[in-house]
N, C-alpha and C. Protein backbone atom coordinates (compact mmCIF):
# COMPACT_ATOMS: atom_id res chain seq x y z
N MET A 1 -11.64 -24.06 -14.59
CA MET A 1 -11.13 -23.58 -15.85
C MET A 1 -9.77 -22.93 -15.59
N ARG A 2 -8.76 -23.36 -16.31
CA ARG A 2 -7.42 -22.82 -16.13
C ARG A 2 -7.23 -21.57 -16.98
N ARG A 3 -6.54 -20.63 -16.41
CA ARG A 3 -6.23 -19.41 -17.13
C ARG A 3 -4.95 -19.63 -17.92
N VAL A 4 -4.96 -19.33 -19.18
CA VAL A 4 -3.80 -19.54 -20.02
C VAL A 4 -2.93 -18.30 -19.97
N LEU A 5 -1.70 -18.47 -19.53
CA LEU A 5 -0.75 -17.37 -19.47
C LEU A 5 0.26 -17.50 -20.59
N PRO A 6 0.68 -16.38 -21.15
CA PRO A 6 1.69 -16.47 -22.20
C PRO A 6 3.01 -16.97 -21.60
N PRO A 7 3.80 -17.66 -22.40
CA PRO A 7 5.07 -18.16 -21.88
C PRO A 7 5.98 -17.00 -21.50
N LEU A 8 6.86 -17.27 -20.52
CA LEU A 8 7.80 -16.26 -20.09
C LEU A 8 8.69 -15.87 -21.26
N GLY A 9 8.85 -14.61 -21.49
CA GLY A 9 9.70 -14.16 -22.57
C GLY A 9 8.97 -14.05 -23.90
N SER A 10 7.65 -13.97 -23.86
CA SER A 10 6.90 -13.81 -25.10
C SER A 10 7.19 -12.41 -25.67
N PRO A 11 6.97 -12.20 -26.96
CA PRO A 11 7.24 -10.88 -27.55
C PRO A 11 6.48 -9.75 -26.86
N LEU A 12 5.25 -10.01 -26.43
CA LEU A 12 4.48 -8.97 -25.75
C LEU A 12 5.12 -8.61 -24.41
N GLN A 13 5.55 -9.63 -23.65
CA GLN A 13 6.20 -9.36 -22.37
C GLN A 13 7.50 -8.57 -22.57
N ILE A 14 8.28 -8.97 -23.56
CA ILE A 14 9.54 -8.28 -23.82
C ILE A 14 9.29 -6.83 -24.22
N LEU A 15 8.28 -6.60 -25.04
CA LEU A 15 7.93 -5.23 -25.45
C LEU A 15 7.48 -4.40 -24.25
N LEU A 16 6.61 -4.97 -23.42
CA LEU A 16 6.14 -4.24 -22.24
C LEU A 16 7.29 -3.95 -21.26
N LEU A 17 8.18 -4.90 -21.08
CA LEU A 17 9.32 -4.71 -20.20
C LEU A 17 10.25 -3.63 -20.75
N ALA A 18 10.49 -3.65 -22.05
CA ALA A 18 11.35 -2.63 -22.67
C ALA A 18 10.72 -1.24 -22.52
N CYS A 19 9.40 -1.15 -22.71
CA CYS A 19 8.71 0.14 -22.54
C CYS A 19 8.79 0.62 -21.10
N SER A 20 8.63 -0.28 -20.14
CA SER A 20 8.69 0.14 -18.74
C SER A 20 10.11 0.58 -18.37
N PHE A 21 11.13 -0.10 -18.89
CA PHE A 21 12.51 0.35 -18.64
C PHE A 21 12.77 1.71 -19.29
N ALA A 22 12.25 1.92 -20.48
CA ALA A 22 12.43 3.20 -21.15
C ALA A 22 11.76 4.32 -20.35
N LEU A 23 10.55 4.07 -19.87
CA LEU A 23 9.83 5.07 -19.08
C LEU A 23 10.56 5.34 -17.76
N ALA A 24 11.04 4.28 -17.10
CA ALA A 24 11.78 4.47 -15.85
C ALA A 24 13.08 5.23 -16.10
N GLY A 25 13.76 4.93 -17.20
CA GLY A 25 14.99 5.65 -17.54
C GLY A 25 14.72 7.13 -17.79
N TYR A 26 13.65 7.42 -18.53
CA TYR A 26 13.28 8.81 -18.79
C TYR A 26 12.96 9.54 -17.49
N ALA A 27 12.18 8.90 -16.63
CA ALA A 27 11.83 9.51 -15.34
C ALA A 27 13.08 9.72 -14.49
N GLY A 28 13.99 8.76 -14.51
CA GLY A 28 15.24 8.90 -13.76
C GLY A 28 16.08 10.05 -14.25
N LEU A 29 16.19 10.20 -15.58
CA LEU A 29 16.95 11.33 -16.12
C LEU A 29 16.33 12.66 -15.75
N ARG A 30 15.01 12.73 -15.81
CA ARG A 30 14.32 13.98 -15.43
C ARG A 30 14.50 14.28 -13.94
N LEU A 31 14.45 13.24 -13.14
CA LEU A 31 14.58 13.40 -11.69
C LEU A 31 15.99 13.83 -11.32
N LEU A 32 16.97 13.23 -11.97
CA LEU A 32 18.37 13.51 -11.61
C LEU A 32 18.92 14.77 -12.27
N SER A 33 18.14 15.46 -13.05
CA SER A 33 18.64 16.65 -13.72
C SER A 33 18.91 17.80 -12.75
N GLY A 34 18.32 17.75 -11.57
CA GLY A 34 18.51 18.82 -10.60
C GLY A 34 19.59 18.48 -9.59
N ASP A 35 19.21 17.96 -8.47
CA ASP A 35 20.10 17.65 -7.36
C ASP A 35 20.44 16.17 -7.37
N ARG A 36 21.47 15.78 -8.09
CA ARG A 36 21.81 14.36 -8.24
C ARG A 36 22.20 13.72 -6.92
N LEU A 37 23.05 14.37 -6.15
CA LEU A 37 23.51 13.81 -4.89
C LEU A 37 22.35 13.65 -3.90
N GLY A 38 21.50 14.65 -3.81
CA GLY A 38 20.36 14.58 -2.91
C GLY A 38 19.40 13.46 -3.27
N VAL A 39 19.13 13.28 -4.56
CA VAL A 39 18.22 12.22 -5.00
C VAL A 39 18.85 10.86 -4.73
N ALA A 40 20.14 10.71 -5.03
CA ALA A 40 20.81 9.43 -4.78
C ALA A 40 20.82 9.10 -3.29
N LEU A 41 21.10 10.08 -2.44
CA LEU A 41 21.08 9.85 -0.99
C LEU A 41 19.68 9.48 -0.51
N TRP A 42 18.66 10.12 -1.10
CA TRP A 42 17.29 9.83 -0.71
C TRP A 42 16.95 8.38 -1.05
N PHE A 43 17.32 7.92 -2.26
CA PHE A 43 17.03 6.54 -2.65
C PHE A 43 17.76 5.53 -1.78
N VAL A 44 19.04 5.76 -1.52
CA VAL A 44 19.81 4.85 -0.68
C VAL A 44 19.25 4.85 0.74
N GLY A 45 18.97 6.03 1.26
CA GLY A 45 18.39 6.13 2.60
C GLY A 45 17.05 5.46 2.70
N ALA A 46 16.22 5.61 1.68
CA ALA A 46 14.90 4.98 1.69
C ALA A 46 15.03 3.46 1.66
N ALA A 47 15.95 2.95 0.87
CA ALA A 47 16.14 1.49 0.80
C ALA A 47 16.65 0.95 2.13
N VAL A 48 17.63 1.63 2.72
CA VAL A 48 18.18 1.18 4.00
C VAL A 48 17.13 1.28 5.09
N LEU A 49 16.42 2.40 5.14
CA LEU A 49 15.38 2.59 6.15
C LEU A 49 14.29 1.53 6.00
N HIS A 50 13.89 1.25 4.77
CA HIS A 50 12.86 0.23 4.56
C HIS A 50 13.35 -1.14 5.01
N ASP A 51 14.54 -1.54 4.55
CA ASP A 51 15.01 -2.90 4.82
C ASP A 51 15.39 -3.13 6.27
N LEU A 52 15.92 -2.12 6.94
CA LEU A 52 16.41 -2.32 8.30
C LEU A 52 15.42 -1.92 9.39
N VAL A 53 14.46 -1.05 9.05
CA VAL A 53 13.54 -0.57 10.08
C VAL A 53 12.10 -1.00 9.78
N PHE A 54 11.58 -0.58 8.63
CA PHE A 54 10.16 -0.79 8.37
C PHE A 54 9.80 -2.25 8.11
N LEU A 55 10.60 -2.97 7.35
CA LEU A 55 10.28 -4.36 7.05
C LEU A 55 10.15 -5.21 8.32
N PRO A 56 11.11 -5.14 9.27
CA PRO A 56 10.91 -5.90 10.51
C PRO A 56 9.69 -5.44 11.31
N LEU A 57 9.40 -4.13 11.27
CA LEU A 57 8.24 -3.63 12.01
C LEU A 57 6.93 -4.15 11.44
N TYR A 58 6.75 -4.05 10.11
CA TYR A 58 5.46 -4.52 9.61
C TYR A 58 5.39 -6.03 9.49
N ALA A 59 6.51 -6.72 9.46
CA ALA A 59 6.47 -8.18 9.53
C ALA A 59 6.03 -8.63 10.93
N ALA A 60 6.53 -7.95 11.96
CA ALA A 60 6.12 -8.26 13.33
C ALA A 60 4.64 -7.92 13.55
N ALA A 61 4.20 -6.80 12.99
CA ALA A 61 2.78 -6.44 13.11
C ALA A 61 1.90 -7.45 12.40
N ASP A 62 2.33 -7.94 11.24
CA ASP A 62 1.57 -8.94 10.51
C ASP A 62 1.48 -10.24 11.29
N ARG A 63 2.59 -10.64 11.90
CA ARG A 63 2.57 -11.87 12.73
C ARG A 63 1.62 -11.70 13.91
N ALA A 64 1.61 -10.51 14.51
CA ALA A 64 0.72 -10.28 15.63
C ALA A 64 -0.75 -10.35 15.20
N VAL A 65 -1.04 -9.78 14.02
CA VAL A 65 -2.42 -9.80 13.52
C VAL A 65 -2.85 -11.23 13.20
N THR A 66 -1.99 -11.98 12.49
CA THR A 66 -2.39 -13.35 12.14
C THR A 66 -2.52 -14.22 13.38
N GLY A 67 -1.68 -14.00 14.37
CA GLY A 67 -1.80 -14.76 15.61
C GLY A 67 -3.02 -14.32 16.42
N GLY A 68 -3.29 -13.02 16.43
CA GLY A 68 -4.42 -12.49 17.19
C GLY A 68 -5.76 -12.87 16.60
N LEU A 69 -5.82 -13.06 15.30
CA LEU A 69 -7.08 -13.44 14.68
C LEU A 69 -7.30 -14.95 14.66
N GLY A 70 -6.34 -15.69 15.20
CA GLY A 70 -6.46 -17.14 15.16
C GLY A 70 -6.54 -17.65 13.74
N ALA A 71 -5.65 -17.15 12.91
CA ALA A 71 -5.75 -17.38 11.47
C ALA A 71 -5.04 -18.65 11.01
N VAL A 72 -4.82 -19.59 11.91
CA VAL A 72 -4.21 -20.84 11.49
C VAL A 72 -5.18 -21.56 10.56
N GLY A 73 -4.77 -21.74 9.33
CA GLY A 73 -5.65 -22.38 8.35
C GLY A 73 -6.69 -21.43 7.76
N ARG A 74 -6.73 -20.19 8.19
CA ARG A 74 -7.70 -19.23 7.69
C ARG A 74 -7.02 -17.91 7.37
N ARG A 75 -5.95 -17.96 6.61
CA ARG A 75 -5.15 -16.78 6.31
C ARG A 75 -5.92 -15.75 5.48
N GLU A 76 -6.96 -16.19 4.75
CA GLU A 76 -7.69 -15.22 3.93
C GLU A 76 -8.41 -14.19 4.81
N ARG A 77 -8.70 -14.53 6.05
CA ARG A 77 -9.36 -13.58 6.96
C ARG A 77 -8.44 -12.42 7.31
N THR A 78 -7.13 -12.66 7.31
CA THR A 78 -6.21 -11.58 7.65
C THR A 78 -6.16 -10.51 6.57
N LEU A 79 -6.65 -10.82 5.37
CA LEU A 79 -6.67 -9.81 4.32
C LEU A 79 -7.59 -8.64 4.68
N TYR A 80 -8.57 -8.90 5.53
CA TYR A 80 -9.48 -7.83 5.94
C TYR A 80 -8.77 -6.82 6.85
N VAL A 81 -7.61 -7.15 7.35
CA VAL A 81 -6.79 -6.20 8.11
C VAL A 81 -5.61 -5.73 7.25
N ARG A 82 -5.02 -6.65 6.51
CA ARG A 82 -3.84 -6.31 5.72
C ARG A 82 -4.12 -5.28 4.63
N VAL A 83 -5.19 -5.44 3.89
CA VAL A 83 -5.46 -4.55 2.76
C VAL A 83 -5.69 -3.11 3.21
N PRO A 84 -6.59 -2.84 4.17
CA PRO A 84 -6.74 -1.44 4.57
C PRO A 84 -5.48 -0.88 5.24
N ALA A 85 -4.76 -1.70 5.98
CA ALA A 85 -3.53 -1.22 6.60
C ALA A 85 -2.49 -0.87 5.55
N THR A 86 -2.38 -1.68 4.52
CA THR A 86 -1.43 -1.40 3.45
C THR A 86 -1.82 -0.14 2.69
N LEU A 87 -3.08 0.01 2.35
CA LEU A 87 -3.52 1.20 1.62
C LEU A 87 -3.36 2.46 2.47
N SER A 88 -3.68 2.38 3.74
CA SER A 88 -3.51 3.53 4.62
C SER A 88 -2.03 3.88 4.78
N GLY A 89 -1.20 2.86 4.93
CA GLY A 89 0.24 3.11 5.04
C GLY A 89 0.81 3.71 3.77
N LEU A 90 0.34 3.25 2.62
CA LEU A 90 0.81 3.81 1.36
C LEU A 90 0.39 5.27 1.21
N LEU A 91 -0.83 5.58 1.59
CA LEU A 91 -1.26 6.98 1.56
C LEU A 91 -0.44 7.83 2.50
N LEU A 92 -0.13 7.30 3.68
CA LEU A 92 0.71 8.04 4.63
C LEU A 92 2.10 8.25 4.06
N LEU A 93 2.65 7.25 3.44
CA LEU A 93 3.99 7.36 2.86
C LEU A 93 4.03 8.41 1.75
N VAL A 94 3.04 8.41 0.89
CA VAL A 94 3.03 9.35 -0.24
C VAL A 94 2.77 10.78 0.22
N TRP A 95 1.85 10.94 1.15
CA TRP A 95 1.44 12.29 1.55
C TRP A 95 2.01 12.71 2.90
N PHE A 96 3.04 12.03 3.40
CA PHE A 96 3.56 12.32 4.73
C PHE A 96 3.93 13.79 4.96
N PRO A 97 4.63 14.45 4.06
CA PRO A 97 4.96 15.85 4.34
C PRO A 97 3.73 16.72 4.55
N LEU A 98 2.69 16.49 3.77
CA LEU A 98 1.48 17.29 3.93
C LEU A 98 0.68 16.85 5.16
N ILE A 99 0.64 15.56 5.43
CA ILE A 99 -0.07 15.08 6.63
C ILE A 99 0.63 15.58 7.88
N GLY A 100 1.96 15.58 7.86
CA GLY A 100 2.73 16.07 9.00
C GLY A 100 2.79 17.59 9.10
N GLY A 101 2.29 18.29 8.08
CA GLY A 101 2.27 19.76 8.10
C GLY A 101 3.65 20.37 7.91
N ARG A 102 4.53 19.70 7.18
CA ARG A 102 5.91 20.16 7.05
C ARG A 102 6.18 21.04 5.83
N VAL A 103 5.30 21.03 4.84
CA VAL A 103 5.58 21.79 3.62
C VAL A 103 4.44 22.72 3.24
N ALA A 104 3.77 23.26 4.21
CA ALA A 104 2.57 24.05 3.94
C ALA A 104 2.86 25.24 3.02
N THR A 105 3.86 26.04 3.33
CA THR A 105 4.10 27.25 2.53
C THR A 105 4.58 26.90 1.13
N ARG A 106 5.44 25.90 1.01
CA ARG A 106 5.92 25.49 -0.31
C ARG A 106 4.78 24.92 -1.15
N TYR A 107 3.96 24.09 -0.54
CA TYR A 107 2.82 23.50 -1.25
C TYR A 107 1.86 24.58 -1.71
N GLU A 108 1.56 25.52 -0.83
CA GLU A 108 0.63 26.58 -1.18
C GLU A 108 1.18 27.48 -2.27
N SER A 109 2.50 27.72 -2.26
CA SER A 109 3.06 28.59 -3.30
C SER A 109 3.04 27.92 -4.67
N PHE A 110 3.18 26.59 -4.72
CA PHE A 110 3.16 25.88 -6.00
C PHE A 110 1.76 25.65 -6.52
N THR A 111 0.84 25.32 -5.64
CA THR A 111 -0.50 24.92 -6.09
C THR A 111 -1.56 26.00 -5.92
N GLY A 112 -1.34 26.93 -5.01
CA GLY A 112 -2.35 27.92 -4.73
C GLY A 112 -3.45 27.40 -3.83
N LEU A 113 -3.28 26.17 -3.31
CA LEU A 113 -4.27 25.55 -2.43
C LEU A 113 -3.75 25.48 -1.01
N SER A 114 -4.64 25.44 -0.06
CA SER A 114 -4.26 25.33 1.34
C SER A 114 -3.85 23.89 1.67
N ALA A 115 -2.84 23.75 2.52
CA ALA A 115 -2.39 22.42 2.94
C ALA A 115 -3.04 21.97 4.23
N ASP A 116 -4.00 22.72 4.71
CA ASP A 116 -4.69 22.36 5.95
C ASP A 116 -5.62 21.17 5.73
N GLY A 117 -5.72 20.34 6.74
CA GLY A 117 -6.70 19.27 6.73
C GLY A 117 -6.23 17.94 6.16
N PHE A 118 -4.97 17.81 5.74
CA PHE A 118 -4.51 16.54 5.18
C PHE A 118 -4.50 15.44 6.22
N ALA A 119 -4.12 15.77 7.45
CA ALA A 119 -4.09 14.75 8.51
C ALA A 119 -5.51 14.24 8.81
N ALA A 120 -6.45 15.15 8.90
CA ALA A 120 -7.83 14.75 9.18
C ALA A 120 -8.39 13.92 8.03
N ARG A 121 -8.10 14.31 6.79
CA ARG A 121 -8.60 13.54 5.64
C ARG A 121 -7.98 12.16 5.59
N TRP A 122 -6.68 12.06 5.89
CA TRP A 122 -6.03 10.76 5.91
C TRP A 122 -6.65 9.87 6.99
N LEU A 123 -6.92 10.44 8.16
CA LEU A 123 -7.55 9.66 9.22
C LEU A 123 -8.95 9.19 8.80
N TRP A 124 -9.72 10.05 8.14
CA TRP A 124 -11.06 9.66 7.70
C TRP A 124 -10.99 8.57 6.63
N VAL A 125 -10.03 8.68 5.72
CA VAL A 125 -9.86 7.63 4.71
C VAL A 125 -9.49 6.31 5.38
N THR A 126 -8.60 6.37 6.38
CA THR A 126 -8.20 5.17 7.11
C THR A 126 -9.40 4.56 7.84
N VAL A 127 -10.20 5.39 8.47
CA VAL A 127 -11.41 4.90 9.16
C VAL A 127 -12.36 4.25 8.15
N ALA A 128 -12.53 4.88 6.99
CA ALA A 128 -13.41 4.32 5.96
C ALA A 128 -12.88 2.99 5.44
N LEU A 129 -11.57 2.90 5.23
CA LEU A 129 -11.00 1.64 4.75
C LEU A 129 -11.21 0.51 5.75
N PHE A 130 -10.89 0.76 7.01
CA PHE A 130 -11.06 -0.29 8.02
C PHE A 130 -12.54 -0.57 8.29
N GLY A 131 -13.38 0.46 8.26
CA GLY A 131 -14.82 0.25 8.45
C GLY A 131 -15.42 -0.57 7.32
N GLY A 132 -15.06 -0.24 6.08
CA GLY A 132 -15.54 -1.02 4.94
C GLY A 132 -15.06 -2.46 4.99
N SER A 133 -13.82 -2.64 5.40
CA SER A 133 -13.27 -3.98 5.51
C SER A 133 -13.99 -4.78 6.60
N ALA A 134 -14.27 -4.13 7.73
CA ALA A 134 -15.01 -4.80 8.81
C ALA A 134 -16.42 -5.15 8.36
N LEU A 135 -17.05 -4.27 7.60
CA LEU A 135 -18.39 -4.55 7.09
C LEU A 135 -18.37 -5.75 6.14
N LEU A 136 -17.39 -5.79 5.23
CA LEU A 136 -17.27 -6.93 4.32
C LEU A 136 -17.03 -8.23 5.08
N LEU A 137 -16.19 -8.18 6.11
CA LEU A 137 -15.93 -9.38 6.91
C LEU A 137 -17.19 -9.84 7.63
N ALA A 138 -17.95 -8.89 8.18
CA ALA A 138 -19.19 -9.25 8.87
C ALA A 138 -20.20 -9.87 7.90
N LEU A 139 -20.33 -9.29 6.71
CA LEU A 139 -21.25 -9.83 5.71
C LEU A 139 -20.82 -11.23 5.27
N ARG A 140 -19.53 -11.41 5.07
CA ARG A 140 -19.04 -12.72 4.67
C ARG A 140 -19.26 -13.75 5.77
N SER A 141 -18.99 -13.37 7.00
CA SER A 141 -19.19 -14.29 8.13
C SER A 141 -20.66 -14.67 8.27
N ARG A 142 -21.53 -13.69 8.09
CA ARG A 142 -22.97 -13.97 8.20
C ARG A 142 -23.43 -14.89 7.08
N ARG A 143 -22.94 -14.64 5.86
CA ARG A 143 -23.31 -15.49 4.73
C ARG A 143 -22.83 -16.92 4.94
N GLU A 144 -21.63 -17.07 5.46
CA GLU A 144 -21.11 -18.41 5.73
C GLU A 144 -21.91 -19.12 6.82
N ALA A 145 -22.35 -18.35 7.83
CA ALA A 145 -23.15 -18.95 8.89
C ALA A 145 -24.51 -19.41 8.38
N VAL A 146 -25.10 -18.62 7.48
CA VAL A 146 -26.40 -18.97 6.92
C VAL A 146 -26.26 -20.15 5.97
N ASP A 147 -25.17 -20.20 5.21
CA ASP A 147 -24.96 -21.28 4.24
C ASP A 147 -24.68 -22.62 4.88
N ARG A 148 -24.21 -22.61 6.12
CA ARG A 148 -23.93 -23.90 6.79
C ARG A 148 -25.24 -24.64 7.04
N SER A 149 -25.19 -25.92 6.81
CA SER A 149 -26.40 -26.72 7.03
C SER A 149 -26.56 -26.98 8.53
N PRO A 150 -27.77 -27.31 8.99
CA PRO A 150 -27.99 -27.59 10.42
C PRO A 150 -27.14 -28.75 10.91
N ALA A 151 -26.78 -29.68 10.06
CA ALA A 151 -25.97 -30.82 10.50
C ALA A 151 -24.54 -30.40 10.82
N ASP A 152 -24.08 -29.34 10.19
CA ASP A 152 -22.72 -28.87 10.41
C ASP A 152 -22.58 -28.06 11.71
N ARG A 153 -23.68 -27.62 12.27
CA ARG A 153 -23.62 -26.74 13.46
C ARG A 153 -23.39 -27.49 14.71
């Protein structure tokens, strides 16, 4: 059964795109109302750092994983490593100052909560993500082995 997608440029798509641009513009104005130069430098630095450092690093890591898993013709198996690694990396990126213990006093003064334990919690979430992914892979592999007929073995 084919999924019917609206044509590109449908009124709904244009409306949603206009709303997302309006929201991004509003967020940008609110963000830039304080330290404009600092925010602009942060964005440029993040783009350069991502494109010149991180992209080659995680592309090389992905090639190593796909080669190490013998994923020629079986690329869907690499998702069991890619998804938890991506989610863990995203959590690290978002919470890096707290995981690294760099903003404890500022965080505590704004929220009234302790900044202790973020690194341990991030590690436990990462372990749970990879453990759950390994469990799903094992269950899928077992189901495929059981589903194979004796003639295929």
